[in-house]
C-alpha atoms as a PDB file:
ATOM      1  CA  UNK A   1      35.888 -44.510  -3.779  1.00  0.00           C
ATOM      2  CA  UNK A   2      33.309 -46.555  -5.475  1.00  0.00           C
ATOM      3  CA  UNK A   3      30.732 -44.966  -7.691  1.00  0.00           C
ATOM      4  CA  UNK A   4      26.931 -45.276  -7.033  1.00  0.00           C
ATOM      5  CA  UNK A   5      26.681 -47.308 -10.295  1.00  0.00           C
ATOM      6  CA  UNK A   6      29.421 -50.018  -8.983  1.00  0.00           C
ATOM      7  CA  UNK A   7      27.308 -50.473  -5.650  1.00  0.00           C
ATOM      8  CA  UNK A   8      23.988 -50.712  -7.410  1.00  0.00           C
ATOM      9  CA  UNK A   9      25.313 -53.426  -9.752  1.00  0.00           C
ATOM     10  CA  UNK A  10      25.726 -55.689  -6.603  1.00  0.00           C
ATOM     11  CA  UNK A  11      22.189 -56.687  -6.591  1.00  0.00           C
ATOM     12  CA  UNK A  12      19.376 -56.171  -9.356  1.00  0.00           C
ATOM     13  CA  UNK A  13      16.368 -56.148  -7.101  1.00  0.00           C
ATOM     14  CA  UNK A  14      14.422 -53.160  -6.414  1.00  0.00           C
ATOM     15  CA  UNK A  15      16.631 -50.482  -5.181  1.00  0.00           C
ATOM     16  CA  UNK A  16      19.697 -52.479  -4.744  1.00  0.00           C
ATOM     17  CA  UNK A  17      22.456 -51.663  -2.403  1.00  0.00           C
ATOM     18  CA  UNK A  18      20.472 -48.702  -1.032  1.00  0.00           C
ATOM     19  CA  UNK A  19      21.392 -49.414   2.502  1.00  0.00           C
ATOM     20  CA  UNK A  20      25.083 -49.280   1.307  1.00  0.00           C
ATOM     21  CA  UNK A  21      24.907 -46.104  -0.593  1.00  0.00           C
ATOM     22  CA  UNK A  22      22.607 -44.014   1.742  1.00  0.00           C
ATOM     23  CA  UNK A  23      24.691 -41.126   3.074  1.00  0.00           C
ATOM     24  CA  UNK A  24      27.946 -41.962   1.466  1.00  0.00           C
ATOM     25  CA  UNK A  25      29.217 -39.413  -1.217  1.00  0.00           C
ATOM     26  CA  UNK A  26      29.729 -41.025  -4.373  1.00  0.00           C
ATOM     27  CA  UNK A  27      32.055 -39.569  -7.041  1.00  0.00           C
ATOM     28  CA  UNK A  28      30.568 -38.140 -10.483  1.00  0.00           C
ATOM     29  CA  UNK A  29      32.363 -39.649 -13.402  1.00  0.00           C
ATOM     30  CA  UNK A  30      34.193 -37.063 -15.225  1.00  0.00           C
ATOM     31  CA  UNK A  31      33.783 -34.225 -12.573  1.00  0.00           C
ATOM     32  CA  UNK A  32      36.478 -34.530  -9.851  1.00  0.00           C
ATOM     33  CA  UNK A  33      34.937 -31.422  -8.243  1.00  0.00           C
ATOM     34  CA  UNK A  34      31.637 -32.900  -7.869  1.00  0.00           C
ATOM     35  CA  UNK A  35      29.939 -35.631  -5.601  1.00  0.00           C
ATOM     36  CA  UNK A  36      26.610 -37.088  -5.231  1.00  0.00           C
ATOM     37  CA  UNK A  37      24.541 -38.134  -2.037  1.00  0.00           C
ATOM     38  CA  UNK A  38      21.753 -40.242  -1.472  1.00  0.00           C
ATOM     39  CA  UNK A  39      19.728 -39.168   1.690  1.00  0.00           C
ATOM     40  CA  UNK A  40      16.365 -40.117   3.124  1.00  0.00           C
ATOM     41  CA  UNK A  41      14.244 -38.677   6.023  1.00  0.00           C
ATOM     42  CA  UNK A  42      15.309 -41.488   8.382  1.00  0.00           C
ATOM     43  CA  UNK A  43      18.830 -39.944   8.340  1.00  0.00           C
ATOM     44  CA  UNK A  44      17.660 -36.566  10.047  1.00  0.00           C
ATOM     45  CA  UNK A  45      18.672 -38.145  13.361  1.00  0.00           C
ATOM     46  CA  UNK A  46      22.214 -38.345  12.197  1.00  0.00           C
ATOM     47  CA  UNK A  47      24.032 -34.845  13.001  1.00  0.00           C
ATOM     48  CA  UNK A  48      25.997 -34.787   9.683  1.00  0.00           C
ATOM     49  CA  UNK A  49      23.164 -36.002   7.674  1.00  0.00           C
ATOM     50  CA  UNK A  50      20.712 -33.835   9.183  1.00  0.00           C
ATOM     51  CA  UNK A  51      22.990 -30.858   8.434  1.00  0.00           C
ATOM     52  CA  UNK A  52      23.276 -31.978   4.622  1.00  0.00           C
ATOM     53  CA  UNK A  53      19.238 -32.469   4.566  1.00  0.00           C
ATOM     54  CA  UNK A  54      19.032 -28.773   5.880  1.00  0.00           C
ATOM     55  CA  UNK A  55      21.115 -27.395   3.358  1.00  0.00           C
ATOM     56  CA  UNK A  56      19.125 -29.156   0.832  1.00  0.00           C
ATOM     57  CA  UNK A  57      16.038 -27.484   2.126  1.00  0.00           C
ATOM     58  CA  UNK A  58      17.701 -24.060   2.262  1.00  0.00           C
ATOM     59  CA  UNK A  59      18.186 -24.417  -1.691  1.00  0.00           C
ATOM     60  CA  UNK A  60      14.579 -25.431  -2.034  1.00  0.00           C
ATOM     61  CA  UNK A  61      13.638 -22.362   0.004  1.00  0.00           C
ATOM     62  CA  UNK A  62      15.950 -20.355  -2.097  1.00  0.00           C
ATOM     63  CA  UNK A  63      14.076 -21.329  -5.240  1.00  0.00           C
ATOM     64  CA  UNK A  64      10.573 -21.658  -4.059  1.00  0.00           C
ATOM     65  CA  UNK A  65       8.211 -19.334  -2.110  1.00  0.00           C
ATOM     66  CA  UNK A  66       6.968 -21.098   1.000  1.00  0.00           C
ATOM     67  CA  UNK A  67       3.831 -23.225   0.273  1.00  0.00           C
ATOM     68  CA  UNK A  68       1.813 -25.215   2.825  1.00  0.00           C
ATOM     69  CA  UNK A  69       0.643 -28.687   2.220  1.00  0.00           C
ATOM     70  CA  UNK A  70      -3.068 -28.604   2.168  1.00  0.00           C
ATOM     71  CA  UNK A  71      -3.134 -32.007   4.000  1.00  0.00           C
ATOM     72  CA  UNK A  72      -0.421 -31.593   6.655  1.00  0.00           C
ATOM     73  CA  UNK A  73      -0.486 -27.945   6.864  1.00  0.00           C
ATOM     74  CA  UNK A  74       3.374 -27.916   6.713  1.00  0.00           C
ATOM     75  CA  UNK A  75       5.749 -26.298   4.570  1.00  0.00           C
ATOM     76  CA  UNK A  76       5.736 -28.562   1.374  1.00  0.00           C
ATOM     77  CA  UNK A  77       9.473 -28.737   0.748  1.00  0.00           C
ATOM     78  CA  UNK A  78      10.202 -29.399   4.435  1.00  0.00           C
ATOM     79  CA  UNK A  79       7.661 -32.257   4.601  1.00  0.00           C
ATOM     80  CA  UNK A  80       8.924 -33.826   1.394  1.00  0.00           C
ATOM     81  CA  UNK A  81      12.397 -33.822   2.749  1.00  0.00           C
ATOM     82  CA  UNK A  82      12.012 -34.609   6.450  1.00  0.00           C
ATOM     83  CA  UNK A  83       8.463 -36.691   6.547  1.00  0.00           C
ATOM     84  CA  UNK A  84       9.397 -40.453   6.966  1.00  0.00           C
ATOM     85  CA  UNK A  85       5.993 -41.325   5.764  1.00  0.00           C
ATOM     86  CA  UNK A  86       6.398 -39.730   2.371  1.00  0.00           C
ATOM     87  CA  UNK A  87       9.427 -42.082   1.681  1.00  0.00           C
ATOM     88  CA  UNK A  88      11.141 -39.653  -0.558  1.00  0.00           C
ATOM     89  CA  UNK A  89      14.801 -39.778  -1.277  1.00  0.00           C
ATOM     90  CA  UNK A  90      16.725 -36.464  -1.343  1.00  0.00           C
ATOM     91  CA  UNK A  91      19.459 -36.579  -3.888  1.00  0.00           C
ATOM     92  CA  UNK A  92      22.272 -33.830  -3.496  1.00  0.00           C
ATOM     93  CA  UNK A  93      24.773 -32.840  -5.792  1.00  0.00           C
ATOM     94  CA  UNK A  94      27.717 -31.006  -3.997  1.00  0.00           C
ATOM     95  CA  UNK A  95      30.502 -28.817  -5.337  1.00  0.00           C
ATOM     96  CA  UNK A  96      33.159 -29.097  -2.841  1.00  0.00           C
ATOM     97  CA  UNK A  97      31.279 -29.125   0.484  1.00  0.00           C
ATOM     98  CA  UNK A  98      28.458 -26.905  -0.619  1.00  0.00           C
ATOM     99  CA  UNK A  99      25.034 -28.215  -1.844  1.00  0.00           C
ATOM    100  CA  UNK A 100      24.560 -27.093  -5.501  1.00  0.00           C
ATOM    101  CA  UNK A 101      21.477 -28.970  -6.717  1.00  0.00           C
ATOM    102  CA  UNK A 102      18.845 -31.012  -4.845  1.00  0.00           C
ATOM    103  CA  UNK A 103      16.084 -33.429  -6.340  1.00  0.00           C
ATOM    104  CA  UNK A 104      13.522 -35.315  -4.376  1.00  0.00           C
ATOM    105  CA  UNK A 105      12.791 -38.693  -5.867  1.00  0.00           C
ATOM    106  CA  UNK A 106      10.330 -41.474  -4.924  1.00  0.00           C
ATOM    107  CA  UNK A 107      10.125 -44.980  -6.463  1.00  0.00           C
ATOM    108  CA  UNK A 108       6.920 -46.832  -7.191  1.00  0.00           C
ATOM    109  CA  UNK A 109       8.182 -50.156  -8.496  1.00  0.00           C
ATOM    110  CA  UNK A 110       8.859 -49.675 -12.126  1.00  0.00           C
ATOM    111  CA  UNK A 111       7.932 -45.711 -12.039  1.00  0.00           C
ATOM    112  CA  UNK A 112       9.859 -43.044 -10.262  1.00  0.00           C
ATOM    113  CA  UNK A 113       8.632 -39.368  -9.734  1.00  0.00           C
ATOM    114  CA  UNK A 114      11.060 -36.339  -9.276  1.00  0.00           C
ATOM    115  CA  UNK A 115       8.269 -33.672  -8.181  1.00  0.00           C
ATOM    116  CA  UNK A 116      10.761 -31.200  -6.761  1.00  0.00           C
ATOM    117  CA  UNK A 117      14.182 -30.144  -8.142  1.00  0.00           C
ATOM    118  CA  UNK A 118      16.143 -26.789  -7.395  1.00  0.00           C
ATOM    119  CA  UNK A 119      19.651 -25.531  -8.248  1.00  0.00           C
ATOM    120  CA  UNK A 120      21.200 -22.805  -6.096  1.00  0.00           C
ATOM    121  CA  UNK A 121      21.213 -19.358  -7.716  1.00  0.00           C
ATOM    122  CA  UNK A 122      25.051 -19.437  -7.282  1.00  0.00           C
ATOM    123  CA  UNK A 123      25.179 -22.710  -9.415  1.00  0.00           C
ATOM    124  CA  UNK A 124      22.800 -22.069 -11.996  1.00  0.00           C
ATOM    125  CA  UNK A 125      23.702 -21.980 -15.648  1.00  0.00           C
ATOM    126  CA  UNK A 126      26.559 -24.267 -14.838  1.00  0.00           C
ATOM    127  CA  UNK A 127      25.047 -27.631 -16.190  1.00  0.00           C
ATOM    128  CA  UNK A 128      24.420 -28.813 -12.559  1.00  0.00           C
ATOM    129  CA  UNK A 129      20.700 -29.916 -12.999  1.00  0.00           C
ATOM    130  CA  UNK A 130      21.912 -31.933 -16.018  1.00  0.00           C
ATOM    131  CA  UNK A 131      24.778 -33.714 -14.070  1.00  0.00           C
ATOM    132  CA  UNK A 132      22.243 -34.344 -11.311  1.00  0.00           C
ATOM    133  CA  UNK A 133      19.527 -35.728 -13.428  1.00  0.00           C
ATOM    134  CA  UNK A 134      21.962 -37.933 -15.480  1.00  0.00           C
ATOM    135  CA  UNK A 135      23.238 -39.484 -12.273  1.00  0.00           C
ATOM    136  CA  UNK A 136      19.582 -40.108 -10.952  1.00  0.00           C
ATOM    137  CA  UNK A 137      18.578 -41.701 -14.160  1.00  0.00           C
ATOM    138  CA  UNK A 138      21.760 -44.026 -14.243  1.00  0.00           C
ATOM    139  CA  UNK A 139      20.898 -44.991 -10.649  1.00  0.00           C
ATOM    140  CA  UNK A 140      17.023 -45.628 -11.350  1.00  0.00           C
ATOM    141  CA  UNK A 141      18.015 -47.763 -14.396  1.00  0.00           C
ATOM    142  CA  UNK A 142      20.399 -49.928 -12.256  1.00  0.00           C
ATOM    143  CA  UNK A 143      17.455 -50.463  -9.827  1.00  0.00           C
ATOM    144  CA  UNK A 144      15.118 -51.559 -12.737  1.00  0.00           C
ATOM    145  CA  UNK A 145      12.982 -48.394 -12.805  1.00  0.00           C
ATOM    146  CA  UNK A 146      11.594 -47.874 -16.402  1.00  0.00           C
ATOM    147  CA  UNK A 147      10.049 -44.649 -16.241  1.00  0.00           C
ATOM    148  CA  UNK A 148      10.586 -41.116 -14.598  1.00  0.00           C
ATOM    149  CA  UNK A 149       7.950 -38.460 -14.417  1.00  0.00           C
ATOM    150  CA  UNK A 150       7.922 -34.830 -13.225  1.00  0.00           C
ATOM    151  CA  UNK A 151       5.625 -31.867 -13.247  1.00  0.00           C
ATOM    152  CA  UNK A 152       6.853 -28.934 -15.257  1.00  0.00           C
ATOM    153  CA  UNK A 153       5.507 -25.345 -15.626  1.00  0.00           C
ATOM    154  CA  UNK A 154       4.769 -24.206 -19.156  1.00  0.00           C
ATOM    155  CA  UNK A 155       7.757 -21.796 -19.289  1.00  0.00           C
ATOM    156  CA  UNK A 156      10.005 -24.581 -18.762  1.00  0.00           C
ATOM    157  CA  UNK A 157       8.823 -27.322 -21.133  1.00  0.00           C
ATOM    158  CA  UNK A 158      11.368 -26.191 -23.659  1.00  0.00           C
ATOM    159  CA  UNK A 159      14.148 -27.079 -21.134  1.00  0.00           C
ATOM    160  CA  UNK A 160      12.734 -30.607 -20.297  1.00  0.00           C
ATOM    161  CA  UNK A 161      11.604 -31.531 -23.662  1.00  0.00           C
ATOM    162  CA  UNK A 162      15.160 -30.565 -25.187  1.00  0.00           C
ATOM    163  CA  UNK A 163      17.425 -33.308 -26.517  1.00  0.00           C
ATOM    164  CA  UNK A 164      19.778 -32.626 -23.619  1.00  0.00           C
ATOM    165  CA  UNK A 165      17.334 -33.491 -20.845  1.00  0.00           C
ATOM    166  CA  UNK A 166      15.089 -36.110 -23.092  1.00  0.00           C
ATOM    167  CA  UNK A 167      11.807 -35.823 -21.442  1.00  0.00           C
ATOM    168  CA  UNK A 168       8.330 -35.604 -23.461  1.00  0.00           C
ATOM    169  CA  UNK A 169       5.139 -34.237 -22.461  1.00  0.00           C
ATOM    170  CA  UNK A 170       2.276 -36.589 -21.528  1.00  0.00           C
ATOM    171  CA  UNK A 171      -1.412 -35.859 -22.802  1.00  0.00           C
ATOM    172  CA  UNK A 172      -4.175 -35.059 -20.448  1.00  0.00           C
ATOM    173  CA  UNK A 173      -5.650 -38.638 -21.058  1.00  0.00           C
ATOM    174  CA  UNK A 174      -2.079 -40.103 -20.142  1.00  0.00           C
ATOM    175  CA  UNK A 175      -1.560 -37.890 -17.046  1.00  0.00           C
ATOM    176  CA  UNK A 176      -5.146 -38.883 -15.816  1.00  0.00           C
ATOM    177  CA  UNK A 177      -4.387 -42.537 -16.307  1.00  0.00           C
ATOM    178  CA  UNK A 178      -1.022 -42.062 -14.514  1.00  0.00           C
ATOM    179  CA  UNK A 179      -2.758 -40.481 -11.533  1.00  0.00           C
ATOM    180  CA  UNK A 180      -5.328 -43.195 -11.218  1.00  0.00           C
ATOM    181  CA  UNK A 181      -2.388 -45.936 -11.182  1.00  0.00           C
ATOM    182  CA  UNK A 182      -0.310 -44.066  -8.834  1.00  0.00           C
ATOM    183  CA  UNK A 183      -2.940 -41.898  -7.041  1.00  0.00           C
ATOM    184  CA  UNK A 184      -0.272 -40.569  -4.319  1.00  0.00           C
ATOM    185  CA  UNK A 185       1.959 -38.860  -6.996  1.00  0.00           C
ATOM    186  CA  UNK A 186       2.894 -35.287  -6.237  1.00  0.00           C
ATOM    187  CA  UNK A 187       1.371 -33.065  -8.781  1.00  0.00           C
ATOM    188  CA  UNK A 188       1.104 -29.061  -9.031  1.00  0.00           C
ATOM    189  CA  UNK A 189      -1.522 -26.752 -10.397  1.00  0.00           C
ATOM    190  CA  UNK A 190      -0.854 -25.291 -13.791  1.00  0.00           C
ATOM    191  CA  UNK A 191       1.897 -27.819 -14.523  1.00  0.00           C
ATOM    192  CA  UNK A 192       2.281 -30.257 -17.479  1.00  0.00           C
ATOM    193  CA  UNK A 193       3.369 -33.771 -16.524  1.00  0.00           C
ATOM    194  CA  UNK A 194       6.585 -35.085 -18.304  1.00  0.00           C
ATOM    195  CA  UNK A 195       8.038 -38.290 -18.686  1.00  0.00           C
ATOM    196  CA  UNK A 196      11.065 -40.071 -19.896  1.00  0.00           C
ATOM    197  CA  UNK A 197      11.528 -43.883 -20.732  1.00  0.00           C
ATOM    198  CA  UNK A 198      14.673 -45.171 -19.035  1.00  0.00           C
ATOM    199  CA  UNK A 199      14.434 -48.787 -19.969  1.00  0.00           C
ATOM    200  CA  UNK A 200      13.089 -49.427 -23.402  1.00  0.00           C
ATOM    201  CA  UNK A 201      10.292 -52.272 -23.504  1.00  0.00           C
ATOM    202  CA  UNK A 202      10.933 -54.519 -26.195  1.00  0.00           C
ATOM    203  CA  UNK A 203       7.902 -54.774 -28.611  1.00  0.00           C
ATOM    204  CA  UNK A 204       6.292 -58.193 -29.097  1.00  0.00           C
ATOM    205  CA  UNK A 205       6.219 -59.340 -32.605  1.00  0.00           C
ATOM    206  CA  UNK A 206       2.762 -59.851 -33.896  1.00  0.00           C
ATOM    207  CA  UNK A 207       2.050 -63.118 -35.350  1.00  0.00           C
ATOM    208  CA  UNK A 208       0.941 -62.883 -39.159  1.00  0.00           C
ATOM    209  CA  UNK A 209      -2.784 -64.106 -39.400  1.00  0.00           C
ATOM    210  CA  UNK A 210      -3.027 -66.973 -42.003  1.00  0.00           C
ATOM    211  CA  UNK A 211      -6.077 -67.406 -44.359  1.00  0.00           C
ATOM    212  CA  UNK A 212      -8.136 -64.303 -43.279  1.00  0.00           C
ATOM    213  CA  UNK A 213     -10.432 -63.016 -45.918  1.00  0.00           C
ATOM    214  CA  UNK A 214     -12.342 -59.690 -45.672  1.00  0.00           C
ATOM    215  CA  UNK A 215     -15.262 -59.345 -48.189  1.00  0.00           C
ATOM    216  CA  UNK A 216     -15.620 -55.695 -47.667  1.00  0.00           C
ATOM    217  CA  UNK A 217     -14.939 -52.833 -45.462  1.00  0.00           C
ATOM    218  CA  UNK A 218     -11.829 -51.719 -43.507  1.00  0.00           C
ATOM    219  CA  UNK A 219     -10.206 -51.538 -40.082  1.00  0.00           C
ATOM    220  CA  UNK A 220      -7.922 -49.291 -38.220  1.00  0.00           C
ATOM    221  CA  UNK A 221      -5.777 -49.429 -34.973  1.00  0.00           C
ATOM    222  CA  UNK A 222      -5.707 -46.496 -32.442  1.00  0.00           C
ATOM    223  CA  UNK A 223      -3.301 -45.471 -30.126  1.00  0.00           C
ATOM    224  CA  UNK A 224      12.178 -28.378 -12.790  1.00  0.00           C
ATOM    225  CA  UNK A 225      12.300 -26.869 -14.990  1.00  0.00           C
ATOM    226  CA  UNK A 226      14.870 -24.080 -15.757  1.00  0.00           C
ATOM    227  CA  UNK A 227      14.456 -20.447 -14.222  1.00  0.00           C
ATOM    228  CA  UNK A 228      18.212 -19.679 -14.178  1.00  0.00           C
ATOM    229  CA  UNK A 229      17.896 -15.845 -13.780  1.00  0.00           C
ATOM    230  CA  UNK A 230      15.714 -15.737 -10.909  1.00  0.00           C
ATOM    231  CA  UNK A 231      15.212 -12.352  -9.323  1.00  0.00           C
ATOM    232  CA  UNK A 232      12.731 -13.580  -7.001  1.00  0.00           C
ATOM    233  CA  UNK A 233      11.247 -16.782  -5.603  1.00  0.00           C
ATOM    234  CA  UNK A 234       8.375 -18.637  -7.538  1.00  0.00           C
ATOM    235  CA  UNK A 235       5.343 -20.379  -6.166  1.00  0.00           C
ATOM    236  CA  UNK A 236       5.877 -24.005  -5.093  1.00  0.00           C
ATOM    237  CA  UNK A 237       3.375 -25.092  -7.913  1.00  0.00           C
ATOM    238  CA  UNK A 238       6.323 -24.657 -10.181  1.00  0.00           C
ATOM    239  CA  UNK A 239       9.357 -27.030 -10.414  1.00  0.00           C
ATOM    240  CA  UNK A 240      12.977 -25.348 -10.655  1.00  0.00           C
ATOM    241  CA  UNK A 241      15.905 -26.703 -12.377  1.00  0.00           C
ATOM    242  CA  UNK A 242      18.912 -24.819 -13.137  1.00  0.00           C
ATOM    243  CA  UNK A 243      20.516 -26.335 -16.282  1.00  0.00           C
END
């Protein structure tokens, strides 16, 4: 069985090889008990794929309290997974034939967002989220995506910004600029936007100025989350991830 990385290497254009990998389980390197499947809402018409999307929604509902989208007036998680107009991918990590962890990912050229991630209670504290995010990040790099963003609640920032996960928080100004550039990103109340650079940009070397003389003065230059011991569901405005 070819891995998702191998398939993606066939073509370096945006989302290369997606048609080949959609719906086809891919092995997770070093974990023979795990597999990864990339799905989208178009696949709900296929019985087997619909069943897997439904399992993914069940995991979301296991972690999130129901929340209605203010625009569509539909359940938020269900709309993200099944609404074709939203253009989200649902990435499913399975252990055996059971869905362990789910993430919704949407790609905007060189940027991707992952607003909803959930790990079933049975699989939390087993490193499932780390495995899933690692596989997603490898896939996005193969697609040429440079940055991944996600919203986090305050209590989960320590997890996302740990050396293990590698995200960093954005300032309010950075977040405001992001939402201007990508005004349809999903954002939730009382969350902090986090980002991770997937492909490092090469800095252009500044040319040294010759024969510049300053008589006086000076110048300067300016510049989901882990809730693994859940006894109850949390609001959709939070983003859950079992480590």
